[in-house]
N, C-alpha and C. Protein backbone atom coordinates (compact mmCIF):
# COMPACT_ATOMS: atom_id res chain seq x y z
N MET A 1 66.73 -117.05 72.02
CA MET A 1 67.92 -116.25 71.80
C MET A 1 69.23 -117.06 71.46
N ALA A 2 69.80 -116.48 71.01
CA ALA A 2 71.35 -117.05 70.52
C ALA A 2 72.42 -115.66 70.13
N VAL A 3 73.41 -116.15 69.94
CA VAL A 3 74.54 -115.14 69.38
C VAL A 3 74.89 -116.20 68.06
N VAL A 4 75.13 -115.46 66.83
CA VAL A 4 75.26 -116.04 65.51
C VAL A 4 76.75 -115.43 65.24
N LEU A 5 77.33 -116.44 64.98
CA LEU A 5 78.76 -116.23 64.24
C LEU A 5 78.95 -116.81 63.10
N GLY A 6 79.56 -116.12 62.37
CA GLY A 6 80.12 -116.34 61.00
C GLY A 6 81.43 -116.72 61.15
N TYR A 7 81.65 -118.12 60.33
CA TYR A 7 83.33 -118.40 61.14
C TYR A 7 83.84 -119.46 59.69
N ASP A 8 84.59 -119.14 59.36
CA ASP A 8 85.25 -119.59 58.10
C ASP A 8 86.88 -119.91 58.37
N GLU A 9 87.35 -120.07 59.46
CA GLU A 9 88.60 -119.95 59.96
C GLU A 9 89.87 -119.32 59.54
N SER A 10 89.18 -118.00 59.43
CA SER A 10 90.29 -117.01 58.88
C SER A 10 90.89 -116.20 60.29
N PRO A 11 91.85 -115.63 60.02
CA PRO A 11 92.23 -114.66 61.22
C PRO A 11 91.07 -113.91 61.39
N GLY A 12 90.52 -113.34 61.05
CA GLY A 12 89.24 -112.33 61.82
C GLY A 12 88.13 -113.13 62.16
N ALA A 13 87.98 -114.61 61.73
CA ALA A 13 87.26 -115.27 62.27
C ALA A 13 87.37 -115.39 63.83
N ASP A 14 88.68 -116.13 63.33
CA ASP A 14 89.12 -116.66 65.11
C ASP A 14 88.66 -115.64 66.10
N ARG A 15 89.36 -114.47 65.70
CA ARG A 15 89.25 -113.48 66.52
C ARG A 15 87.51 -113.43 66.96
N ALA A 16 86.95 -113.44 65.89
CA ALA A 16 85.26 -113.33 66.33
C ALA A 16 85.03 -114.36 67.34
N LEU A 17 85.33 -115.41 67.01
CA LEU A 17 85.18 -116.69 67.76
C LEU A 17 85.27 -116.26 69.26
N GLU A 18 86.64 -115.90 69.27
CA GLU A 18 87.03 -115.61 70.84
C GLU A 18 85.91 -114.60 71.74
N VAL A 19 85.35 -113.62 70.74
CA VAL A 19 84.18 -112.67 71.27
C VAL A 19 83.04 -113.32 71.07
N ALA A 20 82.92 -114.24 70.43
CA ALA A 20 81.26 -114.66 70.25
C ALA A 20 81.57 -115.30 71.68
N ILE A 21 82.57 -115.92 72.08
CA ILE A 21 82.01 -117.15 73.34
C ILE A 21 82.05 -116.03 74.23
N GLU A 22 82.68 -115.24 74.27
CA GLU A 22 82.55 -114.40 75.28
C GLU A 22 80.93 -113.82 75.82
N VAL A 23 80.60 -113.18 74.68
CA VAL A 23 79.47 -112.73 74.84
C VAL A 23 78.08 -113.83 75.03
N ALA A 24 78.01 -115.18 74.33
CA ALA A 24 77.52 -115.72 74.73
C ALA A 24 77.52 -116.30 76.19
N THR A 25 78.60 -116.50 76.65
CA THR A 25 79.16 -116.43 77.81
C THR A 25 78.29 -115.97 79.01
N ARG A 26 78.34 -114.72 78.91
CA ARG A 26 77.72 -113.74 79.50
C ARG A 26 76.11 -113.29 79.71
N TYR A 27 75.91 -113.58 78.34
CA TYR A 27 74.39 -113.92 78.34
C TYR A 27 73.44 -115.05 78.71
N GLY A 28 74.67 -115.95 78.46
CA GLY A 28 73.83 -117.37 78.76
C GLY A 28 73.32 -117.59 77.78
N GLU A 29 73.55 -117.54 76.42
CA GLU A 29 73.07 -117.99 75.05
C GLU A 29 74.03 -118.82 74.70
N GLU A 30 72.72 -119.52 73.74
CA GLU A 30 73.65 -120.52 72.66
C GLU A 30 74.24 -119.78 71.56
N LEU A 31 75.82 -120.26 71.41
CA LEU A 31 75.99 -119.87 70.06
C LEU A 31 76.06 -120.89 69.04
N VAL A 32 75.44 -120.20 67.67
CA VAL A 32 75.56 -120.45 66.36
C VAL A 32 75.91 -120.27 65.47
N LEU A 33 77.00 -121.08 65.00
CA LEU A 33 78.14 -121.01 63.82
C LEU A 33 77.55 -121.18 62.32
N VAL A 34 77.84 -120.21 61.84
CA VAL A 34 77.27 -120.25 60.64
C VAL A 34 78.22 -120.28 59.44
N TYR A 35 78.00 -121.22 58.66
CA TYR A 35 79.16 -121.24 56.90
C TYR A 35 78.01 -121.08 55.84
N GLY A 36 78.18 -119.76 55.50
CA GLY A 36 77.28 -119.86 54.29
C GLY A 36 78.08 -120.46 52.80
N ALA A 37 77.57 -121.15 52.39
CA ALA A 37 78.39 -122.25 51.50
C ALA A 37 77.92 -122.52 49.77
N ALA A 38 77.65 -121.05 49.93
CA ALA A 38 76.82 -121.10 48.28
C ALA A 38 78.08 -120.41 47.43
N PRO A 39 78.39 -121.24 46.22
CA PRO A 39 79.21 -121.10 45.17
C PRO A 39 78.91 -119.92 44.12
N PRO A 40 79.69 -118.87 43.57
CA PRO A 40 79.63 -117.95 43.07
C PRO A 40 78.78 -118.50 41.84
N GLY A 41 77.90 -118.23 40.94
CA GLY A 41 77.17 -118.44 39.43
C GLY A 41 77.54 -120.11 39.64
N GLY A 42 77.21 -120.10 38.33
CA GLY A 42 77.34 -121.38 37.84
C GLY A 42 76.06 -122.34 37.82
N MET A 43 76.00 -123.04 36.78
CA MET A 43 74.78 -123.88 36.76
C MET A 43 75.04 -125.49 36.90
N GLY A 44 74.60 -126.80 37.21
CA GLY A 44 74.64 -127.93 36.57
C GLY A 44 75.56 -128.62 37.45
N ASP A 45 76.49 -129.57 36.94
CA ASP A 45 76.85 -130.27 37.70
C ASP A 45 78.42 -129.43 38.42
N GLU A 46 78.62 -128.59 37.76
CA GLU A 46 79.92 -127.75 38.28
C GLU A 46 79.61 -127.37 39.55
N LEU A 47 78.40 -126.42 39.86
CA LEU A 47 77.81 -125.88 40.73
C LEU A 47 77.85 -126.79 42.08
N ARG A 48 77.18 -128.00 41.78
CA ARG A 48 76.87 -129.23 42.65
C ARG A 48 78.19 -129.50 43.40
N SER A 49 79.79 -129.72 42.27
CA SER A 49 80.51 -129.82 42.85
C SER A 49 81.05 -128.87 43.71
N HIS A 50 81.07 -127.50 43.48
CA HIS A 50 81.83 -126.49 43.98
C HIS A 50 80.77 -126.28 45.29
N ARG A 51 79.96 -126.40 45.19
CA ARG A 51 78.87 -126.44 46.67
C ARG A 51 78.82 -127.26 47.70
N ASP A 52 79.54 -128.80 46.99
CA ASP A 52 79.47 -129.60 47.87
C ASP A 52 81.53 -129.48 48.84
N ALA A 53 81.85 -128.90 47.67
CA ALA A 53 83.71 -128.92 48.35
C ALA A 53 83.21 -127.39 49.64
N LEU A 54 82.43 -126.59 49.58
CA LEU A 54 82.26 -125.54 49.64
C LEU A 54 81.70 -126.48 51.74
N ARG A 55 80.71 -127.03 51.23
CA ARG A 55 80.46 -127.46 52.63
C ARG A 55 80.98 -128.55 53.04
N GLU A 56 82.20 -129.12 52.25
CA GLU A 56 83.16 -129.89 52.98
C GLU A 56 83.89 -129.21 53.76
N MET A 57 84.48 -127.81 53.30
CA MET A 57 85.08 -127.29 53.99
C MET A 57 84.63 -126.03 55.06
N GLY A 58 83.03 -125.64 55.32
CA GLY A 58 82.40 -125.33 56.13
C GLY A 58 82.61 -126.03 57.47
N ARG A 59 82.13 -127.51 56.78
CA ARG A 59 81.49 -128.50 57.96
C ARG A 59 83.48 -128.68 58.85
N THR A 60 84.24 -128.84 58.26
CA THR A 60 85.92 -128.84 58.76
C THR A 60 86.14 -127.63 59.65
N ALA A 61 85.84 -126.20 59.00
CA ALA A 61 86.27 -125.16 59.99
C ALA A 61 85.05 -125.11 60.68
N THR A 62 83.78 -125.31 61.01
CA THR A 62 82.98 -125.13 62.25
C THR A 62 83.58 -125.98 62.59
N SER A 63 83.71 -127.58 62.86
CA SER A 63 83.73 -128.23 63.65
C SER A 63 85.00 -127.68 64.35
N HIS A 64 86.44 -127.31 64.21
CA HIS A 64 86.94 -126.89 64.91
C HIS A 64 86.76 -125.86 65.72
N ALA A 65 85.80 -125.02 65.45
CA ALA A 65 85.28 -123.82 66.35
C ALA A 65 84.18 -124.41 67.36
N LEU A 66 83.31 -125.40 66.93
CA LEU A 66 82.50 -126.11 68.07
C LEU A 66 83.36 -126.55 69.14
N GLU A 67 84.37 -126.99 68.54
CA GLU A 67 85.22 -127.86 69.64
C GLU A 67 85.83 -126.68 70.68
N ARG A 68 86.09 -125.68 70.40
CA ARG A 68 86.98 -124.69 71.32
C ARG A 68 85.59 -123.74 71.89
N ALA A 69 84.28 -124.03 71.53
CA ALA A 69 82.98 -123.39 72.29
C ALA A 69 82.79 -124.43 73.25
N THR A 70 82.35 -125.71 72.54
CA THR A 70 82.43 -126.29 73.75
C THR A 70 83.02 -126.52 75.00
N ALA A 71 84.51 -126.48 74.62
CA ALA A 71 85.40 -126.93 75.79
C ALA A 71 85.24 -125.67 76.80
N ALA A 72 85.31 -124.44 76.06
CA ALA A 72 84.85 -123.49 77.02
C ALA A 72 83.45 -123.04 77.79
N GLY A 73 82.91 -124.24 77.82
CA GLY A 73 81.53 -124.31 78.36
C GLY A 73 80.56 -123.73 77.81
N VAL A 74 80.27 -123.67 76.25
CA VAL A 74 79.36 -122.70 75.77
C VAL A 74 78.37 -124.17 74.73
N THR A 75 76.75 -123.84 75.11
CA THR A 75 76.36 -124.80 74.24
C THR A 75 76.52 -124.31 72.85
N ALA A 76 76.96 -124.81 71.82
CA ALA A 76 77.03 -124.76 70.68
C ALA A 76 76.44 -125.48 69.39
N ARG A 77 76.24 -124.67 68.62
CA ARG A 77 75.64 -125.61 66.73
C ARG A 77 76.06 -125.14 65.78
N VAL A 78 76.10 -125.91 64.83
CA VAL A 78 76.41 -125.24 63.54
C VAL A 78 75.81 -125.20 62.49
N GLU A 79 75.51 -124.34 61.59
CA GLU A 79 74.56 -124.26 60.69
C GLU A 79 75.30 -124.25 59.12
N LEU A 80 75.33 -124.92 58.22
CA LEU A 80 75.57 -124.93 56.88
C LEU A 80 74.53 -124.52 56.00
N VAL A 81 74.70 -123.24 55.12
CA VAL A 81 73.71 -122.84 54.96
C VAL A 81 73.95 -122.57 53.19
N ASP A 82 73.15 -123.21 52.78
CA ASP A 82 73.24 -122.94 50.86
C ASP A 82 73.22 -121.29 50.42
N ALA A 83 73.29 -120.56 51.11
CA ALA A 83 73.63 -118.96 50.55
C ALA A 83 74.76 -118.49 50.63
N LYS A 84 75.28 -117.01 50.17
CA LYS A 84 76.13 -116.27 50.34
C LYS A 84 75.95 -115.94 51.88
N PRO A 85 77.58 -116.05 52.47
CA PRO A 85 77.81 -115.65 53.91
C PRO A 85 76.81 -114.35 54.60
N ALA A 86 76.54 -113.36 54.10
CA ALA A 86 75.82 -112.78 54.92
C ALA A 86 74.39 -112.79 54.58
N ASP A 87 73.78 -113.68 53.66
CA ASP A 87 72.62 -113.95 53.65
C ASP A 87 72.38 -114.81 55.06
N ALA A 88 73.53 -115.87 54.22
CA ALA A 88 73.39 -116.75 55.36
C ALA A 88 73.34 -116.81 56.61
N LEU A 89 74.31 -115.47 57.22
CA LEU A 89 74.25 -114.95 58.82
C LEU A 89 72.18 -114.36 58.94
N VAL A 90 72.26 -113.88 57.84
CA VAL A 90 70.60 -113.01 58.24
C VAL A 90 69.73 -114.01 58.71
N GLN A 91 69.80 -114.78 57.38
CA GLN A 91 68.35 -115.82 57.66
C GLN A 91 68.50 -116.69 59.06
N VAL A 92 69.91 -117.10 59.46
CA VAL A 92 70.03 -117.79 60.50
C VAL A 92 69.77 -116.78 61.72
N GLY A 93 70.05 -115.39 62.00
CA GLY A 93 70.16 -114.79 62.66
C GLY A 93 68.45 -114.56 63.06
N ASP A 94 67.78 -114.53 61.52
CA ASP A 94 66.66 -114.27 61.91
C ASP A 94 65.46 -115.90 62.62
N LEU A 95 66.06 -116.55 62.17
CA LEU A 95 65.84 -118.00 62.48
C LEU A 95 65.95 -118.17 63.90
N VAL A 96 66.73 -118.04 64.44
CA VAL A 96 66.93 -118.05 66.03
C VAL A 96 67.08 -117.14 66.94
N ASP A 97 66.54 -115.45 66.27
CA ASP A 97 66.07 -114.58 66.91
C ASP A 97 67.40 -114.28 67.57
N ALA A 98 68.47 -114.28 66.83
CA ALA A 98 69.82 -113.65 67.57
C ALA A 98 69.79 -112.33 68.03
N THR A 99 70.21 -112.38 69.31
CA THR A 99 70.80 -111.02 70.15
C THR A 99 71.89 -110.33 68.98
N VAL A 100 72.63 -110.95 69.14
CA VAL A 100 73.69 -110.53 68.09
C VAL A 100 74.35 -111.51 66.91
N ILE A 101 74.96 -110.86 65.71
CA ILE A 101 75.65 -111.80 64.39
C ILE A 101 76.86 -111.18 64.75
N VAL A 102 77.67 -111.66 64.95
CA VAL A 102 79.57 -111.42 65.24
C VAL A 102 80.21 -111.78 63.69
N VAL A 103 80.75 -110.99 63.83
CA VAL A 103 81.61 -111.54 61.99
C VAL A 103 83.17 -111.07 62.53
N GLY A 104 84.17 -111.48 61.65
CA GLY A 104 85.34 -110.60 61.90
C GLY A 104 85.73 -109.87 60.79
N THR A 105 86.92 -108.96 60.93
CA THR A 105 86.90 -108.66 59.75
C THR A 105 88.46 -108.50 59.31
N ASN A 106 89.14 -108.40 58.62
CA ASN A 106 90.41 -108.98 57.93
C ASN A 106 90.99 -107.72 57.67
N GLY A 107 90.82 -106.10 58.07
CA GLY A 107 91.22 -105.21 57.89
C GLY A 107 91.54 -104.04 56.99
N GLU A 108 90.70 -104.67 56.32
CA GLU A 108 90.57 -104.03 54.41
C GLU A 108 89.90 -102.89 54.71
N SER A 109 90.33 -101.87 53.82
CA SER A 109 89.87 -100.32 54.00
C SER A 109 88.33 -100.17 53.95
N PRO A 110 87.17 -99.55 54.39
CA PRO A 110 86.17 -99.09 54.44
C PRO A 110 85.78 -99.15 52.72
N ILE A 111 86.67 -98.48 52.14
CA ILE A 111 85.93 -98.57 50.49
C ILE A 111 86.36 -99.50 50.00
N ARG A 112 87.71 -100.38 50.15
CA ARG A 112 87.41 -101.80 49.36
C ARG A 112 86.35 -102.85 49.79
N GLY A 113 86.57 -102.99 51.15
CA GLY A 113 85.10 -103.64 51.48
C GLY A 113 83.44 -103.27 50.59
N ALA A 114 83.46 -101.54 50.37
CA ALA A 114 82.46 -101.98 49.71
C ALA A 114 82.12 -101.82 48.88
N MET A 115 83.32 -101.85 47.93
CA MET A 115 83.52 -102.39 46.40
C MET A 115 83.37 -103.69 46.22
N LEU A 116 84.14 -104.46 47.04
CA LEU A 116 84.45 -105.79 46.79
C LEU A 116 83.00 -106.37 47.61
N GLY A 117 82.44 -105.80 48.39
CA GLY A 117 81.39 -106.40 49.13
C GLY A 117 81.62 -107.52 50.35
N SER A 118 82.22 -107.13 51.39
CA SER A 118 82.96 -107.74 52.34
C SER A 118 81.77 -108.31 52.99
N THR A 119 81.58 -109.28 53.51
CA THR A 119 80.56 -109.63 54.64
C THR A 119 80.12 -109.08 55.49
N PRO A 120 80.93 -108.08 56.40
CA PRO A 120 80.66 -107.14 57.35
C PRO A 120 80.05 -106.29 56.62
N HIS A 121 80.41 -105.68 55.96
CA HIS A 121 80.07 -104.45 55.11
C HIS A 121 78.36 -104.53 54.85
N LYS A 122 78.00 -106.08 53.80
CA LYS A 122 76.78 -106.38 53.53
C LYS A 122 76.07 -106.75 54.57
N LEU A 123 76.69 -106.92 55.91
CA LEU A 123 75.35 -107.21 56.78
C LEU A 123 74.76 -106.02 57.62
N LEU A 124 76.19 -104.72 57.59
CA LEU A 124 75.27 -103.65 58.17
C LEU A 124 74.09 -103.49 57.49
N HIS A 125 74.38 -103.34 56.07
CA HIS A 125 72.83 -102.88 55.19
C HIS A 125 72.11 -104.06 55.36
N LEU A 126 72.18 -105.06 55.52
CA LEU A 126 71.29 -106.59 55.51
C LEU A 126 70.51 -106.62 56.83
N SER A 127 71.20 -106.70 57.66
CA SER A 127 70.78 -107.20 58.86
C SER A 127 69.93 -106.32 59.93
N ASN A 128 68.79 -106.62 60.45
CA ASN A 128 67.84 -105.85 61.32
C ASN A 128 68.32 -106.26 62.58
N ARG A 129 69.37 -106.87 63.06
CA ARG A 129 69.57 -107.31 64.14
C ARG A 129 71.30 -106.57 64.06
N PRO A 130 71.35 -106.27 65.82
CA PRO A 130 73.03 -105.65 65.97
C PRO A 130 74.06 -106.77 65.00
N VAL A 131 75.05 -106.06 64.63
CA VAL A 131 76.42 -106.56 64.04
C VAL A 131 77.28 -106.05 64.78
N LEU A 132 77.95 -107.21 65.25
CA LEU A 132 79.76 -106.93 65.75
C LEU A 132 80.44 -107.45 64.98
N CYS A 133 80.99 -106.19 64.58
CA CYS A 133 82.40 -106.74 63.63
C CYS A 133 83.79 -106.35 64.50
N VAL A 134 84.58 -107.41 64.61
CA VAL A 134 85.48 -107.57 65.16
C VAL A 134 87.19 -107.94 64.72
N PRO A 135 87.51 -106.94 64.68
CA PRO A 135 89.17 -106.47 64.21
C PRO A 135 89.96 -107.90 64.06
N ALA A 136 90.28 -108.15 63.42
CA ALA A 136 91.61 -109.35 63.63
C ALA A 136 92.49 -109.46 64.36
N GLY A 137 93.25 -108.15 64.61
CA GLY A 137 94.44 -107.88 65.39
C GLY A 137 93.98 -107.53 66.32
C-alpha cells in the first residue's frame, strides 16, 4: 500500500506534497510521486520531442519533491508515466494498491474545472480509490 501524489511543482502540488508527506508518515506508507507526461494530440517527431520535454520537466519537478519527502523521513519514489495526469494517477494507484491519491487544486471554480477538465475533477470520476484534493491556499 502507498500514498500516491500527483506532482508538478505548482502551488497546489506543493501544498499537496506537504499533506501527502503527513499522511504517508502517519500510516507508515511509501509515497509515490507521479508525473503524467503525455503530450496533447499529435504524432511523429513532434510528439516524441514534446513527450521528451515533458518527461524532463517531470524529472526536475519530482526530484525536488523526492528530496523534500526523503528529508522528512518518508520512503518515496518517482513514477514518470506516459499518460495524461489523471490517467497516470489512476494507473499508478492501481499498481501500488494506493490507500489514497493526493492532488493539489489551484482554486478554480468547480464549473471551470468541469469544463476544462482539471486533474482533480477527472480523478473524482475515474478513480475507484479515495482522492484527497488539497487547496493551494
